All heavy atoms as atom14 arrays in JSON, in Angstrom:
{
  "sequence": "AVMDIAANSYLIAVIPPTLRSRVMGVVQTANFG",
  "atom14_mask": [
    [1, 1, 1, 1, 1, 0, 0, 0, 0, 0, 0, 0, 0, 0],
    [1, 1, 1, 1, 1, 1, 1, 0, 0, 0, 0, 0, 0, 0],
    [1, 1, 1, 1, 1, 1, 1, 1, 0, 0, 0, 0, 0, 0],
    [1, 1, 1, 1, 1, 1, 1, 1, 0, 0, 0, 0, 0, 0],
    [1, 1, 1, 1, 1, 1, 1, 1, 0, 0, 0, 0, 0, 0],
    [1, 1, 1, 1, 1, 0, 0, 0, 0, 0, 0, 0, 0, 0],
    [1, 1, 1, 1, 1, 0, 0, 0, 0, 0, 0, 0, 0, 0],
    [1, 1, 1, 1, 1, 1, 1, 1, 0, 0, 0, 0, 0, 0],
    [1, 1, 1, 1, 1, 1, 0, 0, 0, 0, 0, 0, 0, 0],
    [1, 1, 1, 1, 1, 1, 1, 1, 1, 1, 1, 1, 0, 0],
    [1, 1, 1, 1, 1, 1, 1, 1, 0, 0, 0, 0, 0, 0],
    [1, 1, 1, 1, 1, 1, 1, 1, 0, 0, 0, 0, 0, 0],
    [1, 1, 1, 1, 1, 0, 0, 0, 0, 0, 0, 0, 0, 0],
    [1, 1, 1, 1, 1, 1, 1, 0, 0, 0, 0, 0, 0, 0],
    [1, 1, 1, 1, 1, 1, 1, 1, 0, 0, 0, 0, 0, 0],
    [1, 1, 1, 1, 1, 1, 1, 0, 0, 0, 0, 0, 0, 0],
    [1, 1, 1, 1, 1, 1, 1, 0, 0, 0, 0, 0, 0, 0],
    [1, 1, 1, 1, 1, 1, 1, 0, 0, 0, 0, 0, 0, 0],
    [1, 1, 1, 1, 1, 1, 1, 1, 0, 0, 0, 0, 0, 0],
    [1, 1, 1, 1, 1, 1, 1, 1, 1, 1, 1, 0, 0, 0],
    [1, 1, 1, 1, 1, 1, 0, 0, 0, 0, 0, 0, 0, 0],
    [1, 1, 1, 1, 1, 1, 1, 1, 1, 1, 1, 0, 0, 0],
    [1, 1, 1, 1, 1, 1, 1, 0, 0, 0, 0, 0, 0, 0],
    [1, 1, 1, 1, 1, 1, 1, 1, 0, 0, 0, 0, 0, 0],
    [1, 1, 1, 1, 0, 0, 0, 0, 0, 0, 0, 0, 0, 0],
    [1, 1, 1, 1, 1, 1, 1, 0, 0, 0, 0, 0, 0, 0],
    [1, 1, 1, 1, 1, 1, 1, 0, 0, 0, 0, 0, 0, 0],
    [1, 1, 1, 1, 1, 1, 1, 1, 1, 0, 0, 0, 0, 0],
    [1, 1, 1, 1, 1, 1, 1, 0, 0, 0, 0, 0, 0, 0],
    [1, 1, 1, 1, 1, 0, 0, 0, 0, 0, 0, 0, 0, 0],
    [1, 1, 1, 1, 1, 1, 1, 1, 0, 0, 0, 0, 0, 0],
    [1, 1, 1, 1, 1, 1, 1, 1, 1, 1, 1, 0, 0, 0],
    [1, 1, 1, 1, 0, 0, 0, 0, 0, 0, 0, 0, 0, 0]
  ],
  "atom14_positions": [
    [[0.83, -1.22, 0.03], [0.0, 0.0, 0.02], [0.87, 1.25, -0.02], [0.65, 2.22, -0.77], [-0.93, -0.01, 1.22], [0.0, 0.0, 0.0], [0.0, 0.0, 0.0], [0.0, 0.0, 0.0], [0.0, 0.0, 0.0], [0.0, 0.0, 0.0], [0.0, 0.0, 0.0], [0.0, 0.0, 0.0], [0.0, 0.0, 0.0], [0.0, 0.0, 0.0]],
    [[1.89, 1.29, 0.86], [2.84, 2.43, 0.89], [3.46, 2.59, -0.54], [3.58, 3.73, -1.05], [3.89, 2.28, 2.0], [4.93, 3.35, 1.9], [3.16, 2.29, 3.34], [0.0, 0.0, 0.0], [0.0, 0.0, 0.0], [0.0, 0.0, 0.0], [0.0, 0.0, 0.0], [0.0, 0.0, 0.0], [0.0, 0.0, 0.0], [0.0, 0.0, 0.0]],
    [[3.95, 1.51, -1.07], [4.61, 1.58, -2.32], [3.69, 2.07, -3.43], [4.03, 2.96, -4.22], [5.15, 0.23, -2.71], [5.9, 0.13, -4.03], [6.21, -1.53, -4.6], [4.56, -2.01, -5.17], [0.0, 0.0, 0.0], [0.0, 0.0, 0.0], [0.0, 0.0, 0.0], [0.0, 0.0, 0.0], [0.0, 0.0, 0.0], [0.0, 0.0, 0.0]],
    [[2.49, 1.53, -3.54], [1.55, 1.89, -4.55], [1.09, 3.36, -4.43], [1.06, 4.09, -5.45], [0.31, 1.01, -4.47], [0.46, -0.33, -5.13], [1.48, -0.49, -5.86], [-0.4, -1.22, -4.94], [0.0, 0.0, 0.0], [0.0, 0.0, 0.0], [0.0, 0.0, 0.0], [0.0, 0.0, 0.0], [0.0, 0.0, 0.0], [0.0, 0.0, 0.0]],
    [[0.85, 3.78, -3.26], [0.4, 5.17, -3.04], [1.49, 6.16, -3.45], [1.23, 7.11, -4.22], [-0.07, 5.38, -1.63], [-1.34, 4.6, -1.29], [-0.24, 6.86, -1.27], [-1.68, 4.43, 0.15], [0.0, 0.0, 0.0], [0.0, 0.0, 0.0], [0.0, 0.0, 0.0], [0.0, 0.0, 0.0], [0.0, 0.0, 0.0], [0.0, 0.0, 0.0]],
    [[2.69, 5.94, -3.0], [3.79, 6.84, -3.3], [4.11, 6.78, -4.82], [4.31, 7.82, -5.45], [4.99, 6.54, -2.49], [0.0, 0.0, 0.0], [0.0, 0.0, 0.0], [0.0, 0.0, 0.0], [0.0, 0.0, 0.0], [0.0, 0.0, 0.0], [0.0, 0.0, 0.0], [0.0, 0.0, 0.0], [0.0, 0.0, 0.0], [0.0, 0.0, 0.0]],
    [[4.22, 5.57, -5.33], [4.58, 5.42, -6.74], [3.59, 5.99, -7.71], [3.89, 6.65, -8.71], [4.92, 3.94, -7.09], [0.0, 0.0, 0.0], [0.0, 0.0, 0.0], [0.0, 0.0, 0.0], [0.0, 0.0, 0.0], [0.0, 0.0, 0.0], [0.0, 0.0, 0.0], [0.0, 0.0, 0.0], [0.0, 0.0, 0.0], [0.0, 0.0, 0.0]],
    [[2.28, 5.69, -7.4], [1.22, 6.23, -8.3], [1.19, 7.72, -8.24], [0.92, 8.38, -9.28], [-0.13, 5.66, -7.89], [-0.31, 4.21, -8.45], [0.23, 3.86, -9.46], [-1.11, 3.42, -7.72], [0.0, 0.0, 0.0], [0.0, 0.0, 0.0], [0.0, 0.0, 0.0], [0.0, 0.0, 0.0], [0.0, 0.0, 0.0], [0.0, 0.0, 0.0]],
    [[1.37, 8.3, -7.08], [1.41, 9.76, -6.96], [2.5, 10.36, -7.79], [2.37, 11.35, -8.45], [1.49, 10.15, -5.51], [0.4, 9.65, -4.72], [0.0, 0.0, 0.0], [0.0, 0.0, 0.0], [0.0, 0.0, 0.0], [0.0, 0.0, 0.0], [0.0, 0.0, 0.0], [0.0, 0.0, 0.0], [0.0, 0.0, 0.0], [0.0, 0.0, 0.0]],
    [[3.67, 9.7, -7.74], [4.81, 10.18, -8.5], [4.55, 10.12, -9.99], [4.79, 11.07, -10.76], [6.06, 9.37, -8.18], [7.22, 9.55, -9.1], [7.96, 10.71, -9.06], [7.48, 8.61, -10.07], [9.02, 10.87, -9.95], [8.5, 8.8, -10.97], [9.3, 9.91, -10.93], [10.31, 10.12, -11.79], [0.0, 0.0, 0.0], [0.0, 0.0, 0.0]],
    [[4.0, 8.96, -10.47], [3.77, 8.8, -11.87], [2.72, 9.75, -12.41], [2.9, 10.35, -13.53], [3.37, 7.37, -12.14], [4.52, 6.34, -12.02], [3.97, 4.89, -12.06], [5.6, 6.55, -13.01], [0.0, 0.0, 0.0], [0.0, 0.0, 0.0], [0.0, 0.0, 0.0], [0.0, 0.0, 0.0], [0.0, 0.0, 0.0], [0.0, 0.0, 0.0]],
    [[1.62, 9.96, -11.69], [0.57, 10.85, -12.12], [1.14, 12.25, -12.21], [0.77, 12.98, -13.12], [-0.64, 10.77, -11.19], [-1.33, 9.43, -11.28], [-1.67, 11.85, -11.51], [-2.4, 9.19, -10.27], [0.0, 0.0, 0.0], [0.0, 0.0, 0.0], [0.0, 0.0, 0.0], [0.0, 0.0, 0.0], [0.0, 0.0, 0.0], [0.0, 0.0, 0.0]],
    [[2.0, 12.64, -11.29], [2.57, 13.99, -11.32], [3.55, 14.19, -12.46], [3.64, 15.27, -13.07], [3.25, 14.28, -10.0], [0.0, 0.0, 0.0], [0.0, 0.0, 0.0], [0.0, 0.0, 0.0], [0.0, 0.0, 0.0], [0.0, 0.0, 0.0], [0.0, 0.0, 0.0], [0.0, 0.0, 0.0], [0.0, 0.0, 0.0], [0.0, 0.0, 0.0]],
    [[4.35, 13.18, -12.83], [5.44, 13.33, -13.75], [5.05, 13.08, -15.22], [5.72, 13.56, -16.14], [6.64, 12.43, -13.34], [6.44, 11.0, -13.73], [7.97, 13.03, -13.9], [0.0, 0.0, 0.0], [0.0, 0.0, 0.0], [0.0, 0.0, 0.0], [0.0, 0.0, 0.0], [0.0, 0.0, 0.0], [0.0, 0.0, 0.0], [0.0, 0.0, 0.0]],
    [[4.0, 12.3, -15.46], [3.66, 11.94, -16.84], [2.88, 13.11, -17.5], [1.92, 13.66, -16.92], [2.71, 10.68, -16.88], [3.45, 9.47, -16.28], [2.31, 10.37, -18.31], [2.56, 8.27, -16.03], [0.0, 0.0, 0.0], [0.0, 0.0, 0.0], [0.0, 0.0, 0.0], [0.0, 0.0, 0.0], [0.0, 0.0, 0.0], [0.0, 0.0, 0.0]],
    [[3.28, 13.52, -18.7], [2.54, 14.57, -19.41], [1.07, 14.15, -19.64], [0.86, 12.99, -19.98], [3.35, 14.74, -20.76], [4.65, 14.16, -20.43], [4.45, 13.07, -19.46], [0.0, 0.0, 0.0], [0.0, 0.0, 0.0], [0.0, 0.0, 0.0], [0.0, 0.0, 0.0], [0.0, 0.0, 0.0], [0.0, 0.0, 0.0], [0.0, 0.0, 0.0]],
    [[0.12, 15.06, -19.53], [-1.28, 14.71, -19.73], [-1.58, 14.03, -21.08], [-2.42, 13.14, -21.16], [-2.0, 16.06, -19.66], [-1.13, 16.89, -18.83], [0.28, 16.48, -19.18], [0.0, 0.0, 0.0], [0.0, 0.0, 0.0], [0.0, 0.0, 0.0], [0.0, 0.0, 0.0], [0.0, 0.0, 0.0], [0.0, 0.0, 0.0], [0.0, 0.0, 0.0]],
    [[-0.9, 14.44, -22.13], [-1.18, 13.87, -23.43], [-0.73, 12.48, -23.63], [-1.08, 11.75, -24.58], [-0.61, 14.76, -24.58], [0.8, 14.93, -24.32], [-1.25, 16.12, -24.64], [0.0, 0.0, 0.0], [0.0, 0.0, 0.0], [0.0, 0.0, 0.0], [0.0, 0.0, 0.0], [0.0, 0.0, 0.0], [0.0, 0.0, 0.0], [0.0, 0.0, 0.0]],
    [[0.11, 11.98, -22.7], [0.62, 10.63, -22.73], [0.16, 9.78, -21.56], [0.55, 8.64, -21.42], [2.13, 10.69, -22.71], [2.88, 11.12, -23.95], [4.38, 11.26, -23.69], [2.65, 10.18, -25.13], [0.0, 0.0, 0.0], [0.0, 0.0, 0.0], [0.0, 0.0, 0.0], [0.0, 0.0, 0.0], [0.0, 0.0, 0.0], [0.0, 0.0, 0.0]],
    [[-0.73, 10.37, -20.7], [-0.99, 9.71, -19.44], [-1.53, 8.28, -19.57], [-1.01, 7.35, -18.95], [-2.01, 10.56, -18.67], [-2.26, 10.04, -17.22], [-3.09, 11.0, -16.41], [-2.31, 12.13, -15.97], [-2.72, 13.39, -16.08], [-3.86, 13.69, -16.62], [-1.97, 14.4, -15.58], [0.0, 0.0, 0.0], [0.0, 0.0, 0.0], [0.0, 0.0, 0.0]],
    [[-2.53, 8.07, -20.43], [-3.11, 6.73, -20.54], [-2.12, 5.74, -21.2], [-2.08, 4.57, -20.87], [-4.45, 6.74, -21.29], [-5.44, 7.26, -20.49], [0.0, 0.0, 0.0], [0.0, 0.0, 0.0], [0.0, 0.0, 0.0], [0.0, 0.0, 0.0], [0.0, 0.0, 0.0], [0.0, 0.0, 0.0], [0.0, 0.0, 0.0], [0.0, 0.0, 0.0]],
    [[-1.33, 6.22, -22.16], [-0.43, 5.32, -22.84], [0.68, 4.9, -21.92], [1.13, 3.74, -21.9], [0.18, 6.01, -24.1], [-0.76, 5.88, -25.32], [-0.33, 6.8, -26.43], [-0.63, 8.17, -26.11], [-0.32, 9.22, -26.87], [0.36, 8.97, -28.02], [-0.61, 10.45, -26.58], [0.0, 0.0, 0.0], [0.0, 0.0, 0.0], [0.0, 0.0, 0.0]],
    [[1.18, 5.86, -21.1], [2.21, 5.45, -20.14], [1.6, 4.54, -19.07], [2.19, 3.53, -18.68], [2.87, 6.68, -19.53], [3.81, 6.27, -18.38], [3.59, 7.53, -20.55], [0.0, 0.0, 0.0], [0.0, 0.0, 0.0], [0.0, 0.0, 0.0], [0.0, 0.0, 0.0], [0.0, 0.0, 0.0], [0.0, 0.0, 0.0], [0.0, 0.0, 0.0]],
    [[0.4, 4.85, -18.61], [-0.22, 3.97, -17.59], [-0.57, 2.59, -18.2], [-0.63, 1.61, -17.47], [-1.49, 4.6, -17.0], [-1.17, 5.87, -16.19], [0.14, 5.74, -14.97], [-0.52, 4.47, -13.88], [0.0, 0.0, 0.0], [0.0, 0.0, 0.0], [0.0, 0.0, 0.0], [0.0, 0.0, 0.0], [0.0, 0.0, 0.0], [0.0, 0.0, 0.0]],
    [[-0.74, 2.51, -19.52], [-0.88, 1.22, -20.15], [0.4, 0.39, -20.03], [0.37, -0.78, -19.79], [0.0, 0.0, 0.0], [0.0, 0.0, 0.0], [0.0, 0.0, 0.0], [0.0, 0.0, 0.0], [0.0, 0.0, 0.0], [0.0, 0.0, 0.0], [0.0, 0.0, 0.0], [0.0, 0.0, 0.0], [0.0, 0.0, 0.0], [0.0, 0.0, 0.0]],
    [[1.54, 1.07, -20.19], [2.88, 0.42, -20.01], [2.96, 0.01, -18.52], [3.49, -1.1, -18.22], [3.97, 1.36, -20.44], [5.35, 0.71, -20.15], [3.86, 1.72, -21.9], [0.0, 0.0, 0.0], [0.0, 0.0, 0.0], [0.0, 0.0, 0.0], [0.0, 0.0, 0.0], [0.0, 0.0, 0.0], [0.0, 0.0, 0.0], [0.0, 0.0, 0.0]],
    [[2.57, 0.86, -17.63], [2.6, 0.53, -16.2], [1.78, -0.71, -15.91], [2.23, -1.6, -15.16], [2.12, 1.71, -15.37], [1.97, 1.3, -13.88], [3.04, 2.93, -15.49], [0.0, 0.0, 0.0], [0.0, 0.0, 0.0], [0.0, 0.0, 0.0], [0.0, 0.0, 0.0], [0.0, 0.0, 0.0], [0.0, 0.0, 0.0], [0.0, 0.0, 0.0]],
    [[0.58, -0.77, -16.44], [-0.27, -1.91, -16.22], [0.38, -3.2, -16.79], [0.28, -4.24, -16.18], [-1.65, -1.73, -16.91], [-2.56, -0.82, -16.09], [-3.97, -0.96, -16.56], [-4.54, -2.1, -16.54], [-4.62, 0.12, -16.89], [0.0, 0.0, 0.0], [0.0, 0.0, 0.0], [0.0, 0.0, 0.0], [0.0, 0.0, 0.0], [0.0, 0.0, 0.0]],
    [[0.99, -3.12, -17.98], [1.67, -4.25, -18.56], [2.8, -4.71, -17.63], [2.98, -5.9, -17.41], [2.15, -3.88, -19.92], [1.09, -3.47, -20.78], [2.84, -5.12, -20.61], [0.0, 0.0, 0.0], [0.0, 0.0, 0.0], [0.0, 0.0, 0.0], [0.0, 0.0, 0.0], [0.0, 0.0, 0.0], [0.0, 0.0, 0.0], [0.0, 0.0, 0.0]],
    [[3.54, -3.74, -17.09], [4.69, -4.08, -16.23], [4.16, -4.69, -14.92], [4.8, -5.66, -14.45], [5.48, -2.8, -15.9], [0.0, 0.0, 0.0], [0.0, 0.0, 0.0], [0.0, 0.0, 0.0], [0.0, 0.0, 0.0], [0.0, 0.0, 0.0], [0.0, 0.0, 0.0], [0.0, 0.0, 0.0], [0.0, 0.0, 0.0], [0.0, 0.0, 0.0]],
    [[3.04, -4.22, -14.43], [2.52, -4.74, -13.11], [1.7, -6.02, -13.31], [1.91, -7.01, -12.65], [1.73, -3.61, -12.46], [1.4, -3.94, -11.02], [1.75, -4.95, -10.45], [0.57, -3.04, -10.43], [0.0, 0.0, 0.0], [0.0, 0.0, 0.0], [0.0, 0.0, 0.0], [0.0, 0.0, 0.0], [0.0, 0.0, 0.0], [0.0, 0.0, 0.0]],
    [[0.66, -5.89, -14.16], [-0.27, -7.05, -14.28], [0.04, -7.97, -15.39], [-0.28, -9.18, -15.29], [-1.73, -6.47, -14.47], [-2.18, -5.64, -13.33], [-2.14, -4.23, -13.41], [-2.7, -6.18, -12.2], [-2.65, -3.43, -12.38], [-3.16, -5.44, -11.12], [-3.13, -4.05, -11.22], [0.0, 0.0, 0.0], [0.0, 0.0, 0.0], [0.0, 0.0, 0.0]],
    [[0.58, -7.5, -16.41], [0.9, -8.35, -17.62], [1.85, -9.41, -17.37], [1.85, -10.47, -18.06], [0.0, 0.0, 0.0], [0.0, 0.0, 0.0], [0.0, 0.0, 0.0], [0.0, 0.0, 0.0], [0.0, 0.0, 0.0], [0.0, 0.0, 0.0], [0.0, 0.0, 0.0], [0.0, 0.0, 0.0], [0.0, 0.0, 0.0], [0.0, 0.0, 0.0]]
  ]
}
């Protein structure tokens, strides 16, 4: 929980809005895929 909360907050802050879903798609592949 600590890892997810801190890491997700970092990623949402640092990813440009126009790429947000595509980068989060890569994140999902890394995590769940």
